[in-house]
N, C-alpha and C. Protein backbone atom coordinates (compact mmCIF):
# COMPACT_ATOMS: atom_id res chain seq x y z
N MET A 1 -28.99 -13.00 -17.33
CA MET A 1 -30.20 -12.36 -17.83
C MET A 1 -31.23 -12.28 -16.70
N ALA A 2 -31.86 -11.19 -16.58
CA ALA A 2 -32.91 -11.02 -15.57
C ALA A 2 -34.27 -11.18 -16.25
N PHE A 3 -35.27 -11.47 -15.45
CA PHE A 3 -36.61 -11.66 -15.99
C PHE A 3 -37.23 -10.35 -16.48
N GLN A 4 -36.61 -9.20 -16.19
CA GLN A 4 -37.20 -7.91 -16.57
C GLN A 4 -37.45 -7.78 -18.07
N VAL A 5 -36.70 -8.50 -18.89
CA VAL A 5 -36.89 -8.43 -20.34
C VAL A 5 -38.31 -8.84 -20.73
N LEU A 6 -38.98 -9.56 -19.87
CA LEU A 6 -40.33 -10.03 -20.16
C LEU A 6 -41.38 -8.94 -20.14
N SER A 7 -41.03 -7.76 -19.65
CA SER A 7 -42.00 -6.67 -19.63
C SER A 7 -42.18 -6.04 -21.00
N ALA A 8 -41.24 -6.27 -21.90
CA ALA A 8 -41.33 -5.72 -23.26
C ALA A 8 -42.06 -6.70 -24.17
N PRO A 9 -42.82 -6.19 -25.13
CA PRO A 9 -43.50 -7.10 -26.06
C PRO A 9 -42.48 -7.83 -26.93
N THR A 10 -42.85 -9.01 -27.38
CA THR A 10 -41.99 -9.77 -28.26
C THR A 10 -42.44 -9.60 -29.70
N GLU A 11 -41.48 -9.58 -30.59
CA GLU A 11 -41.79 -9.45 -32.02
C GLU A 11 -42.29 -10.78 -32.59
N ALA A 12 -41.65 -11.88 -32.17
CA ALA A 12 -42.01 -13.21 -32.65
C ALA A 12 -42.91 -13.89 -31.63
N THR A 13 -43.81 -14.71 -32.10
CA THR A 13 -44.68 -15.44 -31.19
C THR A 13 -43.85 -16.32 -30.27
N ILE A 14 -42.87 -17.00 -30.85
CA ILE A 14 -41.96 -17.84 -30.08
C ILE A 14 -40.54 -17.34 -30.34
N ASP A 15 -39.89 -16.88 -29.28
CA ASP A 15 -38.53 -16.35 -29.37
C ASP A 15 -37.57 -17.40 -28.83
N ARG A 16 -36.96 -18.17 -29.72
CA ARG A 16 -36.13 -19.31 -29.33
C ARG A 16 -34.98 -18.89 -28.42
N GLU A 17 -34.31 -17.82 -28.76
CA GLU A 17 -33.18 -17.37 -27.94
C GLU A 17 -33.63 -16.98 -26.53
N LEU A 18 -34.74 -16.30 -26.44
CA LEU A 18 -35.27 -15.92 -25.13
C LEU A 18 -35.69 -17.15 -24.34
N ILE A 19 -36.31 -18.12 -25.00
CA ILE A 19 -36.73 -19.36 -24.33
C ILE A 19 -35.51 -20.08 -23.76
N GLN A 20 -34.44 -20.11 -24.52
CA GLN A 20 -33.21 -20.75 -24.05
C GLN A 20 -32.66 -20.01 -22.83
N GLN A 21 -32.66 -18.69 -22.88
CA GLN A 21 -32.18 -17.90 -21.75
C GLN A 21 -33.06 -18.10 -20.52
N LEU A 22 -34.37 -18.11 -20.73
CA LEU A 22 -35.30 -18.32 -19.63
C LEU A 22 -35.11 -19.71 -19.02
N GLY A 23 -34.90 -20.71 -19.87
CA GLY A 23 -34.64 -22.06 -19.37
C GLY A 23 -33.41 -22.09 -18.47
N GLY A 24 -32.36 -21.39 -18.88
CA GLY A 24 -31.16 -21.30 -18.05
C GLY A 24 -31.44 -20.61 -16.72
N GLU A 25 -32.24 -19.55 -16.78
CA GLU A 25 -32.60 -18.84 -15.54
C GLU A 25 -33.42 -19.72 -14.60
N PHE A 26 -34.42 -20.41 -15.16
CA PHE A 26 -35.24 -21.29 -14.33
C PHE A 26 -34.38 -22.42 -13.74
N ALA A 27 -33.45 -22.94 -14.52
CA ALA A 27 -32.58 -24.02 -14.04
C ALA A 27 -31.71 -23.55 -12.87
N ASN A 28 -31.33 -22.28 -12.87
CA ASN A 28 -30.52 -21.75 -11.76
C ASN A 28 -31.24 -21.90 -10.42
N TYR A 29 -32.55 -21.88 -10.44
CA TYR A 29 -33.33 -21.99 -9.19
C TYR A 29 -33.26 -23.39 -8.59
N ILE A 30 -32.85 -24.38 -9.38
CA ILE A 30 -32.74 -25.74 -8.87
C ILE A 30 -31.73 -25.78 -7.73
N ASP A 31 -30.64 -25.04 -7.88
CA ASP A 31 -29.57 -25.03 -6.88
C ASP A 31 -29.90 -24.03 -5.78
N SER A 32 -30.92 -24.36 -5.01
CA SER A 32 -31.33 -23.51 -3.89
C SER A 32 -31.79 -24.42 -2.75
N ASP A 33 -31.96 -23.83 -1.61
CA ASP A 33 -32.46 -24.59 -0.45
C ASP A 33 -33.98 -24.71 -0.46
N SER A 34 -34.61 -24.06 -1.40
CA SER A 34 -36.07 -24.04 -1.46
C SER A 34 -36.63 -25.42 -1.77
N SER A 35 -37.71 -25.77 -1.12
CA SER A 35 -38.40 -27.01 -1.44
C SER A 35 -39.30 -26.82 -2.67
N ALA A 36 -39.51 -25.58 -3.07
CA ALA A 36 -40.33 -25.26 -4.24
C ALA A 36 -39.63 -24.21 -5.10
N PRO A 37 -38.47 -24.58 -5.70
CA PRO A 37 -37.70 -23.58 -6.44
C PRO A 37 -38.42 -23.00 -7.67
N PHE A 38 -39.25 -23.81 -8.32
CA PHE A 38 -39.93 -23.30 -9.51
C PHE A 38 -41.10 -22.40 -9.16
N MET A 39 -41.77 -22.68 -8.06
CA MET A 39 -42.82 -21.76 -7.59
C MET A 39 -42.18 -20.43 -7.20
N THR A 40 -41.00 -20.50 -6.59
CA THR A 40 -40.28 -19.28 -6.23
C THR A 40 -39.91 -18.50 -7.49
N ALA A 41 -39.39 -19.19 -8.49
CA ALA A 41 -39.01 -18.53 -9.75
C ALA A 41 -40.23 -17.94 -10.44
N LEU A 42 -41.30 -18.71 -10.49
CA LEU A 42 -42.52 -18.23 -11.14
C LEU A 42 -43.09 -17.02 -10.41
N ARG A 43 -43.03 -17.04 -9.10
CA ARG A 43 -43.50 -15.89 -8.32
C ARG A 43 -42.68 -14.65 -8.71
N GLY A 44 -41.36 -14.82 -8.85
CA GLY A 44 -40.50 -13.71 -9.27
C GLY A 44 -40.88 -13.17 -10.64
N VAL A 45 -41.21 -14.07 -11.55
CA VAL A 45 -41.63 -13.65 -12.89
C VAL A 45 -42.96 -12.91 -12.83
N LEU A 46 -43.91 -13.47 -12.10
CA LEU A 46 -45.26 -12.89 -12.08
C LEU A 46 -45.35 -11.59 -11.28
N GLU A 47 -44.33 -11.31 -10.47
CA GLU A 47 -44.30 -10.03 -9.77
C GLU A 47 -43.91 -8.89 -10.71
N LEU A 48 -43.38 -9.25 -11.86
CA LEU A 48 -43.01 -8.25 -12.86
C LEU A 48 -44.22 -7.93 -13.73
N PRO A 49 -44.16 -6.84 -14.42
CA PRO A 49 -45.23 -6.59 -15.40
C PRO A 49 -44.92 -7.35 -16.69
N VAL A 50 -45.20 -8.67 -16.71
CA VAL A 50 -44.93 -9.49 -17.89
C VAL A 50 -45.91 -9.12 -18.99
N HIS A 51 -45.37 -8.81 -20.16
CA HIS A 51 -46.22 -8.47 -21.31
C HIS A 51 -46.94 -9.73 -21.77
N ASP A 52 -48.20 -9.59 -22.15
CA ASP A 52 -48.98 -10.78 -22.51
C ASP A 52 -48.41 -11.55 -23.70
N THR A 53 -47.60 -10.91 -24.54
CA THR A 53 -46.98 -11.61 -25.66
C THR A 53 -45.81 -12.49 -25.20
N GLN A 54 -45.42 -12.39 -23.94
CA GLN A 54 -44.29 -13.15 -23.43
C GLN A 54 -44.70 -14.41 -22.66
N ILE A 55 -46.00 -14.59 -22.41
CA ILE A 55 -46.46 -15.73 -21.61
C ILE A 55 -46.06 -17.05 -22.25
N LEU A 56 -46.17 -17.17 -23.55
CA LEU A 56 -45.80 -18.41 -24.22
C LEU A 56 -44.30 -18.67 -24.07
N ASN A 57 -43.48 -17.64 -24.20
CA ASN A 57 -42.03 -17.81 -24.02
C ASN A 57 -41.70 -18.28 -22.60
N VAL A 58 -42.37 -17.69 -21.61
CA VAL A 58 -42.17 -18.10 -20.22
C VAL A 58 -42.55 -19.56 -20.05
N SER A 59 -43.71 -19.94 -20.57
CA SER A 59 -44.18 -21.32 -20.40
C SER A 59 -43.28 -22.31 -21.11
N LEU A 60 -42.74 -21.95 -22.26
CA LEU A 60 -41.84 -22.86 -22.97
C LEU A 60 -40.49 -22.98 -22.26
N GLY A 61 -39.97 -21.87 -21.75
CA GLY A 61 -38.71 -21.92 -21.00
C GLY A 61 -38.85 -22.78 -19.76
N LEU A 62 -39.92 -22.58 -19.01
CA LEU A 62 -40.15 -23.35 -17.79
C LEU A 62 -40.45 -24.82 -18.11
N SER A 63 -41.29 -25.07 -19.09
CA SER A 63 -41.64 -26.46 -19.41
C SER A 63 -40.44 -27.22 -19.96
N ASN A 64 -39.52 -26.54 -20.66
CA ASN A 64 -38.31 -27.21 -21.14
C ASN A 64 -37.48 -27.72 -19.97
N VAL A 65 -37.35 -26.91 -18.94
CA VAL A 65 -36.57 -27.31 -17.76
C VAL A 65 -37.25 -28.49 -17.06
N VAL A 66 -38.55 -28.43 -16.92
CA VAL A 66 -39.28 -29.53 -16.28
C VAL A 66 -39.18 -30.80 -17.13
N ALA A 67 -39.25 -30.65 -18.44
CA ALA A 67 -39.10 -31.80 -19.34
C ALA A 67 -37.71 -32.43 -19.18
N LEU A 68 -36.69 -31.60 -19.06
CA LEU A 68 -35.33 -32.11 -18.86
C LEU A 68 -35.21 -32.84 -17.52
N LEU A 69 -35.86 -32.33 -16.50
CA LEU A 69 -35.88 -33.03 -15.21
C LEU A 69 -36.58 -34.38 -15.35
N GLY A 70 -37.67 -34.41 -16.10
CA GLY A 70 -38.38 -35.67 -16.33
C GLY A 70 -37.49 -36.68 -17.04
N MET A 71 -36.74 -36.22 -18.04
CA MET A 71 -35.82 -37.11 -18.75
C MET A 71 -34.72 -37.60 -17.82
N THR A 72 -34.25 -36.74 -16.94
CA THR A 72 -33.21 -37.13 -15.99
C THR A 72 -33.73 -38.22 -15.06
N LEU A 73 -34.92 -38.01 -14.53
CA LEU A 73 -35.49 -38.99 -13.60
C LEU A 73 -35.84 -40.30 -14.30
N ALA A 74 -36.25 -40.22 -15.56
CA ALA A 74 -36.61 -41.43 -16.32
C ALA A 74 -35.37 -42.08 -16.95
N GLU A 75 -34.22 -41.42 -16.78
CA GLU A 75 -32.96 -41.89 -17.35
C GLU A 75 -33.02 -41.97 -18.86
N GLY A 76 -33.65 -41.00 -19.47
CA GLY A 76 -33.74 -40.92 -20.92
C GLY A 76 -35.10 -40.44 -21.35
N GLU A 77 -35.22 -40.22 -22.64
CA GLU A 77 -36.48 -39.70 -23.19
C GLU A 77 -37.59 -40.74 -23.13
N GLU A 78 -37.22 -42.01 -23.34
CA GLU A 78 -38.22 -43.06 -23.29
C GLU A 78 -38.73 -43.22 -21.86
N GLY A 79 -39.99 -43.13 -21.69
CA GLY A 79 -40.59 -43.25 -20.36
C GLY A 79 -40.77 -41.93 -19.64
N ALA A 80 -40.18 -40.86 -20.18
CA ALA A 80 -40.28 -39.56 -19.50
C ALA A 80 -41.71 -39.03 -19.50
N ALA A 81 -42.40 -39.13 -20.63
CA ALA A 81 -43.78 -38.64 -20.69
C ALA A 81 -44.68 -39.43 -19.74
N GLU A 82 -44.46 -40.72 -19.67
CA GLU A 82 -45.24 -41.56 -18.76
C GLU A 82 -44.97 -41.15 -17.31
N LEU A 83 -43.72 -40.85 -16.99
CA LEU A 83 -43.36 -40.41 -15.65
C LEU A 83 -44.03 -39.08 -15.33
N VAL A 84 -44.00 -38.15 -16.27
CA VAL A 84 -44.61 -36.84 -16.06
C VAL A 84 -46.11 -36.97 -15.85
N ARG A 85 -46.77 -37.70 -16.73
CA ARG A 85 -48.23 -37.84 -16.64
C ARG A 85 -48.67 -38.78 -15.52
N GLY A 86 -47.75 -39.61 -15.04
CA GLY A 86 -48.08 -40.57 -14.00
C GLY A 86 -47.61 -40.12 -12.62
N LYS A 87 -46.43 -40.57 -12.24
CA LYS A 87 -45.94 -40.35 -10.87
C LYS A 87 -45.77 -38.87 -10.54
N ILE A 88 -45.20 -38.09 -11.46
CA ILE A 88 -45.01 -36.66 -11.16
C ILE A 88 -46.37 -35.98 -11.01
N ALA A 89 -47.30 -36.26 -11.91
CA ALA A 89 -48.64 -35.65 -11.82
C ALA A 89 -49.34 -36.07 -10.52
N ASP A 90 -49.30 -37.36 -10.20
CA ASP A 90 -49.96 -37.84 -8.99
C ASP A 90 -49.37 -37.20 -7.73
N THR A 91 -48.03 -37.14 -7.68
CA THR A 91 -47.36 -36.57 -6.51
C THR A 91 -47.63 -35.06 -6.43
N ALA A 92 -47.62 -34.39 -7.57
CA ALA A 92 -47.92 -32.95 -7.58
C ALA A 92 -49.35 -32.70 -7.11
N PHE A 93 -50.27 -33.55 -7.54
CA PHE A 93 -51.67 -33.40 -7.11
C PHE A 93 -51.79 -33.54 -5.60
N GLN A 94 -51.02 -34.47 -5.02
CA GLN A 94 -51.05 -34.65 -3.57
C GLN A 94 -50.42 -33.45 -2.86
N ALA A 95 -49.34 -32.91 -3.44
CA ALA A 95 -48.64 -31.78 -2.81
C ALA A 95 -49.40 -30.46 -2.98
N PHE A 96 -50.06 -30.29 -4.11
CA PHE A 96 -50.76 -29.04 -4.43
C PHE A 96 -52.20 -29.33 -4.87
N PRO A 97 -53.03 -29.97 -4.03
CA PRO A 97 -54.36 -30.36 -4.48
C PRO A 97 -55.25 -29.20 -4.89
N GLU A 98 -55.13 -28.08 -4.20
CA GLU A 98 -55.97 -26.93 -4.55
C GLU A 98 -55.62 -26.39 -5.93
N LEU A 99 -54.39 -26.45 -6.31
CA LEU A 99 -53.94 -25.93 -7.60
C LEU A 99 -54.40 -26.83 -8.75
N LEU A 100 -54.21 -28.12 -8.60
CA LEU A 100 -54.53 -29.04 -9.69
C LEU A 100 -56.01 -29.38 -9.77
N ALA A 101 -56.69 -29.33 -8.65
CA ALA A 101 -58.11 -29.67 -8.66
C ALA A 101 -58.98 -28.57 -9.25
N VAL A 102 -58.52 -27.34 -9.16
CA VAL A 102 -59.32 -26.20 -9.60
C VAL A 102 -59.48 -26.15 -11.12
N ASN A 103 -58.44 -26.52 -11.84
CA ASN A 103 -58.45 -26.29 -13.27
C ASN A 103 -57.87 -27.48 -14.04
N PRO A 104 -58.71 -28.45 -14.43
CA PRO A 104 -58.20 -29.60 -15.17
C PRO A 104 -57.62 -29.22 -16.54
N VAL A 105 -58.07 -28.13 -17.13
CA VAL A 105 -57.52 -27.68 -18.41
C VAL A 105 -56.07 -27.23 -18.23
N ALA A 106 -55.77 -26.59 -17.11
CA ALA A 106 -54.40 -26.17 -16.83
C ALA A 106 -53.48 -27.38 -16.70
N LYS A 107 -53.97 -28.44 -16.09
CA LYS A 107 -53.19 -29.69 -15.97
C LYS A 107 -52.89 -30.25 -17.35
N GLN A 108 -53.89 -30.30 -18.19
CA GLN A 108 -53.73 -30.82 -19.56
C GLN A 108 -52.76 -29.94 -20.35
N THR A 109 -52.88 -28.63 -20.21
CA THR A 109 -51.99 -27.70 -20.91
C THR A 109 -50.55 -27.89 -20.44
N ALA A 110 -50.37 -27.99 -19.14
CA ALA A 110 -49.02 -28.16 -18.59
C ALA A 110 -48.38 -29.45 -19.10
N GLU A 111 -49.12 -30.53 -19.05
CA GLU A 111 -48.58 -31.81 -19.51
C GLU A 111 -48.28 -31.77 -21.00
N SER A 112 -49.12 -31.11 -21.76
CA SER A 112 -48.88 -30.99 -23.19
C SER A 112 -47.60 -30.21 -23.48
N LEU A 113 -47.39 -29.12 -22.76
CA LEU A 113 -46.18 -28.32 -22.96
C LEU A 113 -44.92 -29.07 -22.54
N ILE A 114 -44.99 -29.77 -21.43
CA ILE A 114 -43.83 -30.52 -20.96
C ILE A 114 -43.52 -31.68 -21.91
N CYS A 115 -44.53 -32.46 -22.25
CA CYS A 115 -44.33 -33.67 -23.04
C CYS A 115 -44.05 -33.41 -24.52
N ARG A 116 -44.24 -32.18 -24.97
CA ARG A 116 -43.90 -31.86 -26.35
C ARG A 116 -42.41 -32.02 -26.58
N ALA A 117 -41.61 -31.84 -25.54
CA ALA A 117 -40.15 -31.99 -25.64
C ALA A 117 -39.77 -33.45 -25.95
N TYR A 118 -40.67 -34.38 -25.66
CA TYR A 118 -40.42 -35.80 -25.94
C TYR A 118 -41.11 -36.23 -27.23
N GLY A 119 -41.80 -35.30 -27.90
CA GLY A 119 -42.55 -35.65 -29.09
C GLY A 119 -43.82 -36.40 -28.75
N GLN A 120 -44.30 -36.26 -27.52
CA GLN A 120 -45.49 -36.98 -27.07
C GLN A 120 -46.52 -36.02 -26.53
N SER A 121 -47.00 -35.17 -27.42
CA SER A 121 -47.96 -34.15 -27.05
C SER A 121 -48.99 -34.02 -28.14
N ASP A 122 -50.14 -33.49 -27.77
CA ASP A 122 -51.19 -33.24 -28.76
C ASP A 122 -50.93 -31.95 -29.52
N GLY A 123 -49.79 -31.34 -29.32
CA GLY A 123 -49.47 -30.08 -29.97
C GLY A 123 -49.54 -28.94 -28.98
N MET A 124 -49.33 -27.76 -29.49
CA MET A 124 -49.34 -26.57 -28.64
C MET A 124 -50.76 -26.24 -28.21
N PRO A 125 -50.95 -25.94 -26.95
CA PRO A 125 -52.28 -25.56 -26.49
C PRO A 125 -52.67 -24.19 -27.04
N GLU A 126 -53.96 -23.96 -27.12
CA GLU A 126 -54.46 -22.69 -27.63
C GLU A 126 -54.24 -21.56 -26.64
N ILE A 127 -54.35 -21.87 -25.36
CA ILE A 127 -54.24 -20.85 -24.32
C ILE A 127 -53.25 -21.33 -23.26
N VAL A 128 -52.34 -20.45 -22.91
CA VAL A 128 -51.46 -20.69 -21.77
C VAL A 128 -51.72 -19.55 -20.80
N ASP A 129 -52.10 -19.90 -19.59
CA ASP A 129 -52.45 -18.87 -18.61
C ASP A 129 -51.69 -19.10 -17.31
N GLY A 130 -51.97 -18.26 -16.33
CA GLY A 130 -51.31 -18.34 -15.03
C GLY A 130 -51.47 -19.69 -14.36
N PRO A 131 -52.69 -20.26 -14.31
CA PRO A 131 -52.84 -21.58 -13.71
C PRO A 131 -52.00 -22.66 -14.42
N SER A 132 -51.88 -22.57 -15.73
CA SER A 132 -51.05 -23.53 -16.47
C SER A 132 -49.59 -23.39 -16.06
N LEU A 133 -49.11 -22.16 -15.94
CA LEU A 133 -47.73 -21.92 -15.49
C LEU A 133 -47.53 -22.47 -14.07
N ALA A 134 -48.51 -22.28 -13.22
CA ALA A 134 -48.41 -22.78 -11.85
C ALA A 134 -48.34 -24.30 -11.82
N VAL A 135 -49.10 -24.96 -12.68
CA VAL A 135 -49.06 -26.42 -12.73
C VAL A 135 -47.69 -26.90 -13.24
N ILE A 136 -47.14 -26.23 -14.25
CA ILE A 136 -45.81 -26.59 -14.74
C ILE A 136 -44.80 -26.46 -13.60
N ALA A 137 -44.88 -25.36 -12.86
CA ALA A 137 -43.97 -25.15 -11.72
C ALA A 137 -44.17 -26.24 -10.66
N ALA A 138 -45.41 -26.63 -10.41
CA ALA A 138 -45.69 -27.69 -9.43
C ALA A 138 -45.08 -29.01 -9.88
N TYR A 139 -45.18 -29.31 -11.17
CA TYR A 139 -44.56 -30.53 -11.69
C TYR A 139 -43.04 -30.45 -11.53
N GLY A 140 -42.46 -29.28 -11.80
CA GLY A 140 -41.02 -29.11 -11.63
C GLY A 140 -40.60 -29.28 -10.19
N ASP A 141 -41.34 -28.70 -9.27
CA ASP A 141 -41.02 -28.83 -7.85
C ASP A 141 -41.15 -30.28 -7.39
N THR A 142 -42.12 -30.98 -7.94
CA THR A 142 -42.28 -32.40 -7.63
C THR A 142 -41.08 -33.19 -8.15
N ALA A 143 -40.63 -32.88 -9.35
CA ALA A 143 -39.45 -33.55 -9.91
C ALA A 143 -38.21 -33.27 -9.07
N ILE A 144 -38.09 -32.06 -8.56
CA ILE A 144 -36.96 -31.72 -7.68
C ILE A 144 -37.04 -32.54 -6.39
N MET A 145 -38.23 -32.65 -5.83
CA MET A 145 -38.42 -33.45 -4.62
C MET A 145 -38.00 -34.90 -4.88
N MET A 146 -38.38 -35.43 -6.03
CA MET A 146 -38.02 -36.80 -6.38
C MET A 146 -36.51 -36.94 -6.57
N SER A 147 -35.90 -35.95 -7.19
CA SER A 147 -34.44 -36.00 -7.39
C SER A 147 -33.71 -35.89 -6.05
N ASP A 148 -34.26 -35.10 -5.13
CA ASP A 148 -33.68 -35.02 -3.78
C ASP A 148 -33.74 -36.39 -3.09
N GLU A 149 -34.87 -37.07 -3.24
CA GLU A 149 -35.02 -38.40 -2.64
C GLU A 149 -34.02 -39.40 -3.21
N LEU A 150 -33.66 -39.22 -4.49
CA LEU A 150 -32.69 -40.10 -5.13
C LEU A 150 -31.25 -39.70 -4.79
N GLY A 151 -31.09 -38.55 -4.15
CA GLY A 151 -29.75 -38.10 -3.78
C GLY A 151 -28.99 -37.41 -4.89
N LEU A 152 -29.69 -36.94 -5.91
CA LEU A 152 -29.03 -36.22 -7.00
C LEU A 152 -28.61 -34.84 -6.49
N PRO A 153 -27.35 -34.49 -6.59
CA PRO A 153 -26.90 -33.20 -6.07
C PRO A 153 -27.47 -32.03 -6.88
N ARG A 154 -28.11 -31.13 -6.20
CA ARG A 154 -28.75 -30.00 -6.88
C ARG A 154 -27.78 -29.14 -7.69
N PRO A 155 -26.57 -28.85 -7.19
CA PRO A 155 -25.66 -28.04 -8.01
C PRO A 155 -25.33 -28.69 -9.35
N VAL A 156 -25.11 -30.00 -9.33
CA VAL A 156 -24.80 -30.73 -10.56
C VAL A 156 -26.03 -30.75 -11.47
N LEU A 157 -27.18 -31.01 -10.88
CA LEU A 157 -28.43 -31.04 -11.64
C LEU A 157 -28.71 -29.68 -12.26
N ALA A 158 -28.54 -28.61 -11.50
CA ALA A 158 -28.79 -27.25 -12.01
C ALA A 158 -27.87 -26.95 -13.17
N ALA A 159 -26.59 -27.29 -13.04
CA ALA A 159 -25.63 -27.01 -14.12
C ALA A 159 -25.98 -27.79 -15.39
N ALA A 160 -26.27 -29.07 -15.24
CA ALA A 160 -26.57 -29.91 -16.40
C ALA A 160 -27.88 -29.51 -17.07
N ILE A 161 -28.91 -29.30 -16.27
CA ILE A 161 -30.22 -28.89 -16.81
C ILE A 161 -30.11 -27.52 -17.45
N GLY A 162 -29.38 -26.60 -16.80
CA GLY A 162 -29.22 -25.25 -17.34
C GLY A 162 -28.52 -25.27 -18.69
N GLN A 163 -27.47 -26.06 -18.80
CA GLN A 163 -26.75 -26.14 -20.07
C GLN A 163 -27.65 -26.73 -21.16
N ALA A 164 -28.36 -27.80 -20.83
CA ALA A 164 -29.25 -28.43 -21.80
C ALA A 164 -30.37 -27.48 -22.20
N ALA A 165 -30.93 -26.74 -21.25
CA ALA A 165 -32.03 -25.81 -21.56
C ALA A 165 -31.55 -24.70 -22.48
N ARG A 166 -30.32 -24.26 -22.30
CA ARG A 166 -29.79 -23.20 -23.16
C ARG A 166 -29.47 -23.68 -24.57
N GLU A 167 -29.45 -25.01 -24.74
CA GLU A 167 -29.17 -25.57 -26.06
C GLU A 167 -30.41 -26.11 -26.75
N MET A 168 -31.53 -26.15 -26.06
CA MET A 168 -32.78 -26.69 -26.65
C MET A 168 -33.29 -25.80 -27.75
């Protein structure tokens, strides 16, 4: 599936099948030489004429993949939200200070979307915008950096995360 489908309006506010497909697409970017695979993927999405009704689907697909990475690094669902809000957030802030410092609401939105997969969220945010998507991508890139440090093979990680994202 290509990201071009995002240029068409969606009939449903949340399109589960599309979110699963998007999650698989975003997971494919894990298996790359890029140090920032999710920023690369997000750039590809944002270069398209994404219909405004599709922003929530994009954010859910991307946040699902980042949530799965958090669970992988935390070795389970327990502790994943703490890892995302703690070490991943702190490391992302150091790596992308201009992005996270500009918009604290985007940080809160990103964490809420990611941690909802663990049942540890204040619910769906009212607004999901470009800065929120960028923060989610930054958290994902930080998780990839951490997985690289642990020696987790990207091809295996991409396949496992992609399969899980397509089943969420």
